[in-house]
Amino acid sequence: MIAIPHYISPTDYLDIERQNPIRHEYRRGLVYAMAGGSDTHSRIAVNLLSLLNLHLDDTACRLYNGDVKVNYQDRFYYYPDAFVTCDPRDRQDRYIKRYPKFIAEVLSQSTEDFDRDLKFIDYQNLDSLEEYILISQDTQRVECRRRTAADTWETTIYQKGDLVTFTSLDFEFPIARLYRGLD
């Protein structure tokens, strides 16, 4: 990810983003252009969204893809590949959500370090967040980071042949379902 090296206020960022056909993420005054994704990235994201959409069908929770921003106190605005919010306060703004309980990122070579480190640090500020999921494109591997009752984070790794559990959503499925239809 490459930042445009010029401080931009959150208000200016949001004004620019509304008018721009290219999505950008915002972190502490810097704006990052979103890289284009591969067909593998897209397919994994579609599989994840399909699984979650069916699971959440008759609940009060809402599933969003990478077109809607997650925000925390003007410190960041990110576009996760998938996230779920069950908080009614998130129904007030159609473009920005602030209370997700579940966030998932499909890792890309260009963003993996950022997703694993700084983005995770930022996401931990969201008190509502219970799980942060990192999905590999290169191998059947899902990393689930879960907030504990002591407000620390535990990590569980799922690999080929495993059943993946998203505790925050009370959902379990074979990992192979994320990787269906890949070339």
N, C-alpha and C. Protein backbone atom coordinates (compact mmCIF):
# COMPACT_ATOMS: atom_id res chain seq x y z
N MET A 1 0.85 -1.18 0.00
CA MET A 1 0.00 0.00 0.00
C MET A 1 0.89 1.24 0.00
N ILE A 2 0.57 2.18 -0.84
CA ILE A 2 1.35 3.40 -0.94
C ILE A 2 0.46 4.56 -0.55
N ALA A 3 0.95 5.37 0.40
CA ALA A 3 0.18 6.52 0.85
C ALA A 3 0.53 7.73 0.01
N ILE A 4 -0.46 8.59 -0.18
CA ILE A 4 -0.21 9.89 -0.78
C ILE A 4 0.39 10.73 0.35
N PRO A 5 1.66 11.16 0.25
CA PRO A 5 2.37 11.77 1.39
C PRO A 5 1.97 13.21 1.66
N HIS A 6 0.74 13.40 2.04
CA HIS A 6 0.23 14.73 2.34
C HIS A 6 -0.91 14.54 3.34
N TYR A 7 -0.86 15.27 4.47
CA TYR A 7 -1.91 15.11 5.46
C TYR A 7 -3.24 15.59 4.89
N ILE A 8 -4.27 14.78 5.10
CA ILE A 8 -5.63 15.11 4.69
C ILE A 8 -6.52 14.93 5.91
N SER A 9 -7.38 15.89 6.15
CA SER A 9 -8.30 15.78 7.29
C SER A 9 -9.34 14.71 7.00
N PRO A 10 -9.93 14.13 8.03
CA PRO A 10 -11.00 13.15 7.80
C PRO A 10 -12.15 13.71 6.97
N THR A 11 -12.50 14.96 7.19
CA THR A 11 -13.60 15.57 6.43
C THR A 11 -13.24 15.68 4.95
N ASP A 12 -12.02 16.13 4.67
CA ASP A 12 -11.58 16.23 3.27
C ASP A 12 -11.52 14.85 2.62
N TYR A 13 -11.02 13.86 3.37
CA TYR A 13 -10.98 12.50 2.84
C TYR A 13 -12.38 12.03 2.44
N LEU A 14 -13.35 12.21 3.32
CA LEU A 14 -14.71 11.75 3.04
C LEU A 14 -15.31 12.50 1.84
N ASP A 15 -15.03 13.79 1.71
CA ASP A 15 -15.51 14.54 0.55
C ASP A 15 -14.91 14.01 -0.74
N ILE A 16 -13.60 13.78 -0.74
CA ILE A 16 -12.91 13.26 -1.92
C ILE A 16 -13.41 11.86 -2.25
N GLU A 17 -13.59 11.04 -1.23
CA GLU A 17 -13.98 9.64 -1.44
C GLU A 17 -15.38 9.53 -2.06
N ARG A 18 -16.28 10.42 -1.68
CA ARG A 18 -17.63 10.40 -2.24
C ARG A 18 -17.64 10.66 -3.75
N GLN A 19 -16.66 11.42 -4.23
CA GLN A 19 -16.62 11.82 -5.63
C GLN A 19 -15.68 10.97 -6.48
N ASN A 20 -14.92 10.09 -5.85
CA ASN A 20 -13.87 9.36 -6.56
C ASN A 20 -14.31 7.94 -6.89
N PRO A 21 -14.16 7.50 -8.12
CA PRO A 21 -14.53 6.13 -8.47
C PRO A 21 -13.53 5.09 -7.94
N ILE A 22 -12.35 5.53 -7.57
CA ILE A 22 -11.33 4.64 -7.01
C ILE A 22 -11.39 4.74 -5.49
N ARG A 23 -11.48 3.60 -4.82
CA ARG A 23 -11.57 3.60 -3.36
C ARG A 23 -10.20 3.83 -2.73
N HIS A 24 -10.22 4.51 -1.59
CA HIS A 24 -9.01 4.78 -0.81
C HIS A 24 -9.32 4.50 0.66
N GLU A 25 -8.32 4.02 1.36
CA GLU A 25 -8.44 3.88 2.81
C GLU A 25 -7.71 5.05 3.45
N TYR A 26 -8.09 5.34 4.68
CA TYR A 26 -7.55 6.49 5.41
C TYR A 26 -7.02 6.02 6.75
N ARG A 27 -5.81 6.45 7.08
CA ARG A 27 -5.23 6.12 8.38
C ARG A 27 -4.43 7.31 8.89
N ARG A 28 -4.96 7.96 9.92
CA ARG A 28 -4.27 9.03 10.62
C ARG A 28 -3.70 10.10 9.69
N GLY A 29 -4.54 10.57 8.78
CA GLY A 29 -4.16 11.68 7.93
C GLY A 29 -3.57 11.29 6.59
N LEU A 30 -3.26 10.01 6.39
CA LEU A 30 -2.72 9.56 5.12
C LEU A 30 -3.77 8.75 4.37
N VAL A 31 -3.76 8.89 3.05
CA VAL A 31 -4.73 8.22 2.20
C VAL A 31 -4.00 7.19 1.35
N TYR A 32 -4.57 5.97 1.30
CA TYR A 32 -3.96 4.85 0.60
C TYR A 32 -4.89 4.39 -0.51
N ALA A 33 -4.39 4.36 -1.75
CA ALA A 33 -5.19 3.83 -2.85
C ALA A 33 -5.33 2.33 -2.68
N MET A 34 -6.51 1.82 -2.97
CA MET A 34 -6.77 0.39 -2.86
C MET A 34 -6.21 -0.31 -4.10
N ALA A 35 -5.46 -1.36 -3.88
CA ALA A 35 -4.90 -2.13 -4.99
C ALA A 35 -5.99 -3.00 -5.60
N GLY A 36 -5.85 -3.27 -6.89
CA GLY A 36 -6.78 -4.19 -7.55
C GLY A 36 -6.54 -5.61 -7.06
N GLY A 37 -7.58 -6.40 -7.00
CA GLY A 37 -7.47 -7.77 -6.49
C GLY A 37 -7.36 -8.78 -7.61
N SER A 38 -6.90 -9.96 -7.26
CA SER A 38 -6.79 -11.07 -8.22
C SER A 38 -8.11 -11.82 -8.30
N ASP A 39 -8.20 -12.72 -9.27
CA ASP A 39 -9.40 -13.54 -9.37
C ASP A 39 -9.52 -14.47 -8.16
N THR A 40 -8.38 -14.92 -7.64
CA THR A 40 -8.40 -15.78 -6.44
C THR A 40 -8.95 -15.00 -5.25
N HIS A 41 -8.46 -13.78 -5.06
CA HIS A 41 -8.94 -12.93 -3.97
C HIS A 41 -10.45 -12.73 -4.09
N SER A 42 -10.90 -12.42 -5.28
CA SER A 42 -12.32 -12.18 -5.51
C SER A 42 -13.15 -13.43 -5.22
N ARG A 43 -12.69 -14.56 -5.70
CA ARG A 43 -13.44 -15.81 -5.53
C ARG A 43 -13.55 -16.20 -4.05
N ILE A 44 -12.46 -16.07 -3.31
CA ILE A 44 -12.50 -16.39 -1.88
C ILE A 44 -13.46 -15.44 -1.16
N ALA A 45 -13.40 -14.16 -1.50
CA ALA A 45 -14.30 -13.18 -0.87
C ALA A 45 -15.76 -13.50 -1.19
N VAL A 46 -16.05 -13.85 -2.44
CA VAL A 46 -17.42 -14.21 -2.82
C VAL A 46 -17.88 -15.45 -2.06
N ASN A 47 -17.01 -16.45 -1.94
CA ASN A 47 -17.37 -17.66 -1.20
C ASN A 47 -17.67 -17.33 0.27
N LEU A 48 -16.83 -16.51 0.87
CA LEU A 48 -17.04 -16.12 2.27
C LEU A 48 -18.37 -15.36 2.42
N LEU A 49 -18.58 -14.38 1.57
CA LEU A 49 -19.82 -13.60 1.65
C LEU A 49 -21.05 -14.48 1.44
N SER A 50 -20.96 -15.43 0.53
CA SER A 50 -22.09 -16.34 0.28
C SER A 50 -22.40 -17.18 1.51
N LEU A 51 -21.36 -17.74 2.11
CA LEU A 51 -21.55 -18.55 3.32
C LEU A 51 -22.17 -17.73 4.45
N LEU A 52 -21.62 -16.53 4.67
CA LEU A 52 -22.11 -15.70 5.76
C LEU A 52 -23.52 -15.18 5.49
N ASN A 53 -23.81 -14.83 4.25
CA ASN A 53 -25.13 -14.30 3.92
C ASN A 53 -26.22 -15.33 4.22
N LEU A 54 -25.98 -16.57 3.84
CA LEU A 54 -26.96 -17.63 4.13
C LEU A 54 -27.11 -17.86 5.63
N HIS A 55 -25.99 -17.84 6.33
CA HIS A 55 -26.02 -18.08 7.77
C HIS A 55 -26.77 -16.97 8.53
N LEU A 56 -26.59 -15.74 8.10
CA LEU A 56 -27.16 -14.59 8.82
C LEU A 56 -28.55 -14.20 8.33
N ASP A 57 -29.11 -14.96 7.43
CA ASP A 57 -30.34 -14.62 6.72
C ASP A 57 -31.46 -14.09 7.60
N ASP A 58 -31.81 -14.77 8.66
CA ASP A 58 -32.95 -14.37 9.48
C ASP A 58 -32.53 -13.76 10.82
N THR A 59 -31.40 -13.06 10.84
CA THR A 59 -30.93 -12.45 12.07
C THR A 59 -31.01 -10.93 11.95
N ALA A 60 -30.75 -10.26 13.05
CA ALA A 60 -30.72 -8.79 13.05
C ALA A 60 -29.36 -8.26 12.59
N CYS A 61 -28.44 -9.14 12.31
CA CYS A 61 -27.10 -8.74 11.89
C CYS A 61 -27.08 -8.41 10.40
N ARG A 62 -26.14 -7.56 10.02
CA ARG A 62 -25.98 -7.16 8.63
C ARG A 62 -24.56 -7.47 8.17
N LEU A 63 -24.48 -8.06 6.98
CA LEU A 63 -23.21 -8.41 6.35
C LEU A 63 -22.90 -7.37 5.28
N TYR A 64 -21.64 -6.93 5.23
CA TYR A 64 -21.20 -5.98 4.21
C TYR A 64 -19.93 -6.47 3.54
N ASN A 65 -19.76 -6.05 2.28
CA ASN A 65 -18.55 -6.39 1.54
C ASN A 65 -17.61 -5.19 1.52
N GLY A 66 -16.65 -5.21 0.62
CA GLY A 66 -15.63 -4.17 0.55
C GLY A 66 -16.09 -2.84 -0.01
N ASP A 67 -17.38 -2.60 -0.11
CA ASP A 67 -17.88 -1.32 -0.59
C ASP A 67 -18.27 -0.36 0.53
N VAL A 68 -18.28 -0.84 1.76
CA VAL A 68 -18.71 -0.03 2.90
C VAL A 68 -17.53 0.11 3.87
N LYS A 69 -17.36 1.31 4.41
CA LYS A 69 -16.22 1.61 5.28
C LYS A 69 -16.51 1.25 6.74
N VAL A 70 -15.44 0.87 7.44
CA VAL A 70 -15.44 0.74 8.90
C VAL A 70 -14.59 1.88 9.43
N ASN A 71 -15.07 2.54 10.47
CA ASN A 71 -14.43 3.75 10.98
C ASN A 71 -14.29 3.70 12.49
N TYR A 72 -13.24 4.38 13.00
CA TYR A 72 -13.08 4.60 14.43
C TYR A 72 -12.57 6.02 14.65
N GLN A 73 -13.37 6.86 15.24
CA GLN A 73 -13.02 8.21 15.70
C GLN A 73 -12.12 9.00 14.76
N ASP A 74 -12.38 9.00 13.51
CA ASP A 74 -11.59 9.73 12.51
C ASP A 74 -10.13 9.29 12.44
N ARG A 75 -9.78 8.22 13.15
CA ARG A 75 -8.41 7.70 13.06
C ARG A 75 -8.22 6.86 11.80
N PHE A 76 -9.26 6.11 11.43
CA PHE A 76 -9.16 5.30 10.23
C PHE A 76 -10.51 5.09 9.59
N TYR A 77 -10.45 4.85 8.28
CA TYR A 77 -11.59 4.43 7.47
C TYR A 77 -11.06 3.32 6.57
N TYR A 78 -11.51 2.09 6.81
CA TYR A 78 -11.05 0.94 6.04
C TYR A 78 -12.23 0.28 5.33
N TYR A 79 -11.91 -0.44 4.25
CA TYR A 79 -12.88 -1.21 3.49
C TYR A 79 -12.55 -2.70 3.66
N PRO A 80 -13.02 -3.36 4.71
CA PRO A 80 -12.74 -4.79 4.86
C PRO A 80 -13.39 -5.60 3.74
N ASP A 81 -12.83 -6.76 3.44
CA ASP A 81 -13.43 -7.62 2.43
C ASP A 81 -14.81 -8.10 2.86
N ALA A 82 -15.00 -8.30 4.15
CA ALA A 82 -16.30 -8.69 4.69
C ALA A 82 -16.35 -8.27 6.15
N PHE A 83 -17.52 -7.84 6.59
CA PHE A 83 -17.70 -7.59 8.02
C PHE A 83 -19.17 -7.68 8.37
N VAL A 84 -19.41 -7.91 9.66
CA VAL A 84 -20.77 -8.08 10.17
C VAL A 84 -20.95 -7.14 11.35
N THR A 85 -22.07 -6.45 11.34
CA THR A 85 -22.47 -5.64 12.49
C THR A 85 -23.89 -6.04 12.89
N CYS A 86 -24.10 -6.12 14.19
CA CYS A 86 -25.43 -6.44 14.72
C CYS A 86 -25.96 -5.27 15.56
N ASP A 87 -25.23 -4.17 15.55
CA ASP A 87 -25.56 -3.02 16.37
C ASP A 87 -26.53 -2.09 15.62
N PRO A 88 -27.68 -1.78 16.22
CA PRO A 88 -28.65 -0.92 15.54
C PRO A 88 -28.11 0.48 15.23
N ARG A 89 -27.09 0.94 15.95
CA ARG A 89 -26.51 2.26 15.66
C ARG A 89 -25.88 2.29 14.27
N ASP A 90 -25.52 1.11 13.75
CA ASP A 90 -24.91 1.05 12.42
C ASP A 90 -25.93 1.14 11.29
N ARG A 91 -27.16 1.37 11.61
CA ARG A 91 -28.18 1.53 10.56
C ARG A 91 -28.43 3.01 10.24
N GLN A 92 -27.71 3.90 10.91
CA GLN A 92 -27.92 5.33 10.72
C GLN A 92 -27.19 5.88 9.50
N ASP A 93 -26.02 5.33 9.20
CA ASP A 93 -25.20 5.83 8.09
C ASP A 93 -25.06 4.72 7.06
N ARG A 94 -25.40 5.00 5.81
CA ARG A 94 -25.37 3.98 4.76
C ARG A 94 -23.97 3.68 4.25
N TYR A 95 -22.99 4.53 4.54
CA TYR A 95 -21.67 4.40 3.96
C TYR A 95 -20.58 4.03 4.96
N ILE A 96 -20.82 4.28 6.25
CA ILE A 96 -19.80 4.06 7.28
C ILE A 96 -20.42 3.30 8.44
N LYS A 97 -19.72 2.26 8.90
CA LYS A 97 -20.16 1.49 10.06
C LYS A 97 -19.09 1.59 11.15
N ARG A 98 -19.54 1.62 12.39
CA ARG A 98 -18.61 1.86 13.50
C ARG A 98 -18.63 0.77 14.58
N TYR A 99 -19.52 -0.22 14.44
CA TYR A 99 -19.66 -1.21 15.51
C TYR A 99 -19.64 -2.65 14.99
N PRO A 100 -18.68 -3.01 14.17
CA PRO A 100 -18.65 -4.39 13.67
C PRO A 100 -18.25 -5.36 14.77
N LYS A 101 -18.79 -6.56 14.70
CA LYS A 101 -18.38 -7.60 15.64
C LYS A 101 -17.44 -8.61 14.98
N PHE A 102 -17.42 -8.61 13.64
CA PHE A 102 -16.66 -9.58 12.86
C PHE A 102 -16.09 -8.87 11.64
N ILE A 103 -14.78 -9.00 11.41
CA ILE A 103 -14.14 -8.42 10.23
C ILE A 103 -13.25 -9.48 9.61
N ALA A 104 -13.30 -9.61 8.27
CA ALA A 104 -12.46 -10.57 7.56
C ALA A 104 -11.73 -9.87 6.42
N GLU A 105 -10.47 -10.24 6.25
CA GLU A 105 -9.64 -9.75 5.15
C GLU A 105 -9.08 -10.95 4.41
N VAL A 106 -9.17 -10.94 3.08
CA VAL A 106 -8.48 -11.91 2.25
C VAL A 106 -7.11 -11.31 1.98
N LEU A 107 -6.07 -12.02 2.38
CA LEU A 107 -4.72 -11.47 2.31
C LEU A 107 -4.21 -11.40 0.87
N SER A 108 -3.57 -10.29 0.55
CA SER A 108 -2.90 -10.09 -0.73
C SER A 108 -1.43 -9.85 -0.45
N GLN A 109 -0.59 -10.18 -1.39
CA GLN A 109 0.84 -9.98 -1.21
C GLN A 109 1.16 -8.53 -0.86
N SER A 110 0.47 -7.59 -1.50
CA SER A 110 0.76 -6.17 -1.29
C SER A 110 0.23 -5.62 0.03
N THR A 111 -0.74 -6.29 0.66
CA THR A 111 -1.36 -5.74 1.87
C THR A 111 -1.22 -6.64 3.10
N GLU A 112 -0.67 -7.83 2.94
CA GLU A 112 -0.64 -8.79 4.04
C GLU A 112 0.01 -8.24 5.30
N ASP A 113 1.18 -7.62 5.18
CA ASP A 113 1.86 -7.10 6.37
C ASP A 113 1.02 -6.03 7.07
N PHE A 114 0.42 -5.15 6.29
CA PHE A 114 -0.43 -4.10 6.85
C PHE A 114 -1.66 -4.69 7.53
N ASP A 115 -2.31 -5.68 6.87
CA ASP A 115 -3.49 -6.32 7.46
C ASP A 115 -3.17 -7.02 8.77
N ARG A 116 -2.02 -7.67 8.82
CA ARG A 116 -1.63 -8.43 10.01
C ARG A 116 -1.22 -7.52 11.18
N ASP A 117 -0.64 -6.37 10.87
CA ASP A 117 -0.02 -5.56 11.90
C ASP A 117 -0.82 -4.27 12.19
N LEU A 118 -0.58 -3.23 11.42
CA LEU A 118 -1.17 -1.93 11.74
C LEU A 118 -2.70 -1.92 11.66
N LYS A 119 -3.25 -2.60 10.68
CA LYS A 119 -4.71 -2.63 10.58
C LYS A 119 -5.31 -3.36 11.79
N PHE A 120 -4.68 -4.45 12.20
CA PHE A 120 -5.17 -5.17 13.37
C PHE A 120 -5.06 -4.30 14.63
N ILE A 121 -3.97 -3.58 14.77
CA ILE A 121 -3.81 -2.67 15.91
C ILE A 121 -4.95 -1.65 15.91
N ASP A 122 -5.25 -1.09 14.74
CA ASP A 122 -6.35 -0.13 14.66
C ASP A 122 -7.69 -0.77 14.99
N TYR A 123 -7.95 -1.94 14.43
CA TYR A 123 -9.23 -2.60 14.66
C TYR A 123 -9.45 -2.94 16.14
N GLN A 124 -8.39 -3.15 16.88
CA GLN A 124 -8.55 -3.47 18.31
C GLN A 124 -9.18 -2.33 19.09
N ASN A 125 -9.17 -1.11 18.55
CA ASN A 125 -9.84 0.02 19.20
C ASN A 125 -11.36 -0.10 19.17
N LEU A 126 -11.88 -0.93 18.28
CA LEU A 126 -13.32 -1.12 18.17
C LEU A 126 -13.79 -2.06 19.28
N ASP A 127 -14.41 -1.52 20.30
CA ASP A 127 -14.87 -2.34 21.43
C ASP A 127 -15.84 -3.43 21.01
N SER A 128 -16.57 -3.21 19.93
CA SER A 128 -17.55 -4.17 19.46
C SER A 128 -16.91 -5.38 18.77
N LEU A 129 -15.66 -5.24 18.31
CA LEU A 129 -15.03 -6.29 17.52
C LEU A 129 -14.71 -7.51 18.37
N GLU A 130 -15.23 -8.67 17.95
CA GLU A 130 -14.98 -9.93 18.65
C GLU A 130 -14.03 -10.84 17.89
N GLU A 131 -14.04 -10.76 16.54
CA GLU A 131 -13.18 -11.63 15.73
C GLU A 131 -12.62 -10.88 14.53
N TYR A 132 -11.34 -11.13 14.27
CA TYR A 132 -10.66 -10.60 13.10
C TYR A 132 -10.09 -11.80 12.35
N ILE A 133 -10.48 -11.95 11.08
CA ILE A 133 -10.17 -13.13 10.29
C ILE A 133 -9.23 -12.76 9.14
N LEU A 134 -8.16 -13.54 8.98
CA LEU A 134 -7.21 -13.36 7.89
C LEU A 134 -7.20 -14.64 7.06
N ILE A 135 -7.54 -14.51 5.78
CA ILE A 135 -7.69 -15.67 4.90
C ILE A 135 -6.59 -15.64 3.85
N SER A 136 -5.83 -16.71 3.77
CA SER A 136 -4.73 -16.82 2.79
C SER A 136 -5.28 -17.11 1.40
N GLN A 137 -4.64 -16.56 0.39
CA GLN A 137 -4.97 -16.88 -1.00
C GLN A 137 -4.15 -18.06 -1.50
N ASP A 138 -2.95 -18.25 -0.93
CA ASP A 138 -1.99 -19.20 -1.48
C ASP A 138 -2.16 -20.63 -1.00
N THR A 139 -2.78 -20.79 0.14
CA THR A 139 -2.97 -22.11 0.72
C THR A 139 -4.24 -22.09 1.56
N GLN A 140 -4.81 -23.25 1.83
CA GLN A 140 -6.01 -23.29 2.67
C GLN A 140 -5.60 -23.03 4.11
N ARG A 141 -5.70 -21.75 4.48
CA ARG A 141 -5.28 -21.32 5.82
C ARG A 141 -6.12 -20.11 6.24
N VAL A 142 -6.78 -20.25 7.38
CA VAL A 142 -7.59 -19.17 7.95
C VAL A 142 -7.10 -18.92 9.37
N GLU A 143 -6.77 -17.67 9.63
CA GLU A 143 -6.30 -17.26 10.96
C GLU A 143 -7.42 -16.47 11.62
N CYS A 144 -7.91 -16.99 12.76
CA CYS A 144 -8.97 -16.32 13.50
C CYS A 144 -8.39 -15.72 14.77
N ARG A 145 -8.46 -14.41 14.88
CA ARG A 145 -8.04 -13.72 16.10
C ARG A 145 -9.29 -13.34 16.85
N ARG A 146 -9.38 -13.83 18.10
CA ARG A 146 -10.60 -13.63 18.90
C ARG A 146 -10.29 -12.86 20.18
N ARG A 147 -11.16 -11.91 20.47
CA ARG A 147 -11.04 -11.15 21.72
C ARG A 147 -11.54 -12.03 22.87
N THR A 148 -10.79 -12.06 23.95
CA THR A 148 -11.17 -12.84 25.12
C THR A 148 -11.91 -11.96 26.12
N ALA A 149 -12.45 -12.59 27.14
CA ALA A 149 -13.14 -11.85 28.20
C ALA A 149 -12.18 -10.90 28.93
N ALA A 150 -10.89 -11.23 28.91
CA ALA A 150 -9.88 -10.38 29.56
C ALA A 150 -9.38 -9.27 28.62
N ASP A 151 -10.04 -9.11 27.47
CA ASP A 151 -9.69 -8.11 26.47
C ASP A 151 -8.28 -8.30 25.90
N THR A 152 -7.90 -9.56 25.78
CA THR A 152 -6.68 -9.92 25.06
C THR A 152 -7.14 -10.66 23.81
N TRP A 153 -6.19 -11.05 22.96
CA TRP A 153 -6.54 -11.71 21.71
C TRP A 153 -5.88 -13.07 21.63
N GLU A 154 -6.67 -14.08 21.27
CA GLU A 154 -6.18 -15.44 21.03
C GLU A 154 -6.25 -15.70 19.53
N THR A 155 -5.34 -16.51 19.03
CA THR A 155 -5.32 -16.84 17.61
C THR A 155 -5.51 -18.34 17.43
N THR A 156 -6.40 -18.70 16.53
CA THR A 156 -6.60 -20.09 16.12
C THR A 156 -6.36 -20.17 14.62
N ILE A 157 -5.56 -21.16 14.21
CA ILE A 157 -5.25 -21.36 12.80
C ILE A 157 -6.01 -22.59 12.30
N TYR A 158 -6.70 -22.43 11.17
CA TYR A 158 -7.38 -23.54 10.52
C TYR A 158 -6.68 -23.80 9.20
N GLN A 159 -6.52 -25.10 8.86
CA GLN A 159 -5.84 -25.47 7.63
C GLN A 159 -6.65 -26.53 6.88
N LYS A 160 -6.13 -26.95 5.76
CA LYS A 160 -6.81 -27.91 4.88
C LYS A 160 -7.40 -29.06 5.69
N GLY A 161 -8.68 -29.36 5.45
CA GLY A 161 -9.37 -30.44 6.12
C GLY A 161 -10.07 -30.04 7.41
N ASP A 162 -9.81 -28.84 7.92
CA ASP A 162 -10.39 -28.40 9.20
C ASP A 162 -11.80 -27.83 9.02
N LEU A 163 -12.55 -27.83 10.11
CA LEU A 163 -13.79 -27.07 10.21
C LEU A 163 -13.43 -25.71 10.81
N VAL A 164 -13.81 -24.65 10.13
CA VAL A 164 -13.56 -23.29 10.60
C VAL A 164 -14.71 -22.88 11.49
N THR A 165 -14.40 -22.27 12.63
CA THR A 165 -15.42 -21.78 13.55
C THR A 165 -15.29 -20.27 13.70
N PHE A 166 -16.37 -19.56 13.41
CA PHE A 166 -16.47 -18.14 13.70
C PHE A 166 -17.34 -18.03 14.95
N THR A 167 -16.72 -17.94 16.09
CA THR A 167 -17.41 -17.96 17.37
C THR A 167 -18.40 -16.81 17.50
N SER A 168 -17.99 -15.63 17.06
CA SER A 168 -18.86 -14.44 17.22
C SER A 168 -20.16 -14.57 16.45
N LEU A 169 -20.16 -15.39 15.41
CA LEU A 169 -21.35 -15.57 14.58
C LEU A 169 -22.01 -16.93 14.78
N ASP A 170 -21.46 -17.72 15.71
CA ASP A 170 -21.98 -19.06 15.97
C ASP A 170 -22.10 -19.85 14.66
N PHE A 171 -20.97 -19.93 13.94
CA PHE A 171 -20.97 -20.50 12.60
C PHE A 171 -19.75 -21.39 12.40
N GLU A 172 -19.99 -22.57 11.82
CA GLU A 172 -18.91 -23.51 11.54
C GLU A 172 -19.12 -24.09 10.14
N PHE A 173 -18.02 -24.28 9.40
CA PHE A 173 -18.09 -24.81 8.04
C PHE A 173 -16.74 -25.39 7.64
N PRO A 174 -16.70 -26.30 6.67
CA PRO A 174 -15.43 -26.87 6.20
C PRO A 174 -14.62 -25.80 5.47
N ILE A 175 -13.34 -25.74 5.76
CA ILE A 175 -12.47 -24.73 5.15
C ILE A 175 -12.49 -24.81 3.63
N ALA A 176 -12.68 -26.00 3.09
CA ALA A 176 -12.69 -26.20 1.63
C ALA A 176 -13.76 -25.35 0.95
N ARG A 177 -14.82 -25.00 1.68
CA ARG A 177 -15.89 -24.20 1.07
C ARG A 177 -15.43 -22.78 0.74
N LEU A 178 -14.42 -22.28 1.44
CA LEU A 178 -13.87 -20.96 1.11
C LEU A 178 -13.09 -20.98 -0.20
N TYR A 179 -12.56 -22.14 -0.53
CA TYR A 179 -11.64 -22.27 -1.66
C TYR A 179 -12.27 -22.95 -2.87
N ARG A 180 -13.59 -23.06 -2.89
CA ARG A 180 -14.29 -23.67 -4.03
C ARG A 180 -14.14 -22.81 -5.27
N GLY A 181 -14.02 -23.46 -6.42
CA GLY A 181 -14.04 -22.76 -7.70
C GLY A 181 -12.77 -22.02 -8.04
N LEU A 182 -11.68 -22.33 -7.38
CA LEU A 182 -10.42 -21.66 -7.70
C LEU A 182 -9.70 -22.39 -8.83
N ASP A 183 -9.05 -21.61 -9.70
CA ASP A 183 -8.30 -22.21 -10.81
C ASP A 183 -6.91 -22.59 -10.34
